[in-house]
Amino acid sequence: MRFDPRLLHKRSNSLKPAVLQLIDSFNQGGSEWQALQLTRRLSQSDRFKIYLASLNPDGPLRASVQDLNVGPVPSFPLNSFYDANAIRQLKLCIQWMKAHDIQVIHTHDFYTNIFGIAAASVARLPVRIASMRETAEMRTAAQKHIQRLAYGIAHHIIANSNAVRQTLISDGVPSDKISVIYNGLDITRVSTNTSRSDALSLFGLPSEEHRRRRFVTIVANMRHEVKDYPMFLRSAQLVLEAIPEAAFLLAGEGELADGLGRLASELGISDVTFFLGRCERIAELLSISDVCVLSSKAEGFSNSILEYMAAGRPVVATNVGGAREVIVEGETGYLVSPGDHVTMASRIISLLRHPERASQFGDAGQSLVKTNFSCQAQLTKTEQLYNRLLHR
């Protein structure tokens, strides 16, 4: 719903502090998924009065908010930060926050940091929390500048890895203004009782030939070149030369998909490269995967890596962002340099040739995720931060 100022109601008399979670959209991206997961957990814990709003009301995750118990979800759609509509939406957001007596705003990405923290500053909210979920390589100089201004008027910034925290410090943000709260993962998201045969059928791979395949999987959007799918495909070409029964599953959607399909054809691997699009059955996908990969040029902290490890799969990933904070080299997976498709291929080949080692990596990774990256740990640290800032 778009916010209608005629629907303003009286301020809540609840003794619980009112907290607004502001997200960009309901697209199936890592930031959106994490924000909605946290919103659900906060609502269930019932320590705060939780509200949810967005800049874009659309996306496949929209249906997941129906049972969140956060009331109507207003939207403040933007075309640009620099037009009359942006001013209008800013005013509407300020009105909405005042009407609902919001005391804490928590923004989750670049666009909501800019818009939400500005609105919250004008509305004089007592606690303004921004987020940083990416490293510096993912933004232009102009974008970094405007986000730096937003960080200046925020009271606190949540980084999702120590690598991101260091990026913020290098950019001039005081270290005591930053808290690291890792992404949380609900293990049930990657748990399934579906048989391998049935899972293969779900992805259109029901033949006997596919049952013998060794699948190498990557889960990443195809909207941003930073995910470096070409690196993955070039490594896949080398893997196929060494492991003829290998095949490659690419789960993601975006405007880069057509070009990646052409590259797979040029590399001579299109017959064993399967573009799955947006994946709704992540547990079943990972259940048929022998090795999971991430080839990004830059990351903050990858949800995909957490999902791979939680599903008990060995991981080969580029050593960017927070990857080294979850992947223990030679114990839960392997780290390679960005763009080094040759080393990536050799690591994948090693795991496919030594399934016992791959299984050991998977078990160790699963144990690490359960211990250090649970939803409960994320919830507890977030609530503690809210309380600390409210009572400073």
Foldseek 3Di string as FASTA:
>chain_A
DADDLVPQDAEDPDPFAEEEEEEAEQAPDPLNVLSVLLLLVVLVVVRHLYAYEYQYHDYPRNVVCPPSPNPDYHHQHDPDCPDPSVVVSLVSVLSNCVSHVHQEYEYGDLVCLLRVLVSCVVSVRLAYEYEDWWAPVVDDPVSVVSSVVSLVSHQAYEAQAVLRLVRVVVVPDDSVRYDHFHRADDLVLQDDPDDLQVLCVVQVRNDPLLVQAAEEEEEDAQADCQQVVVLVLVLVLVLCVVPVRYAYEYAYYHDCVVVSCVSNVVSVRNVRYGYRYHDPNNNSVLVRHAEYETQGQITAHDPVLLSNLLSLFAYEYEPHHRPCVQQDDQQQYHYDHHPCSNVSSVRVNVCVVPVVSRNRNSVVSSVSSVVPRHSVSSNVVVVVVVVVSVVD
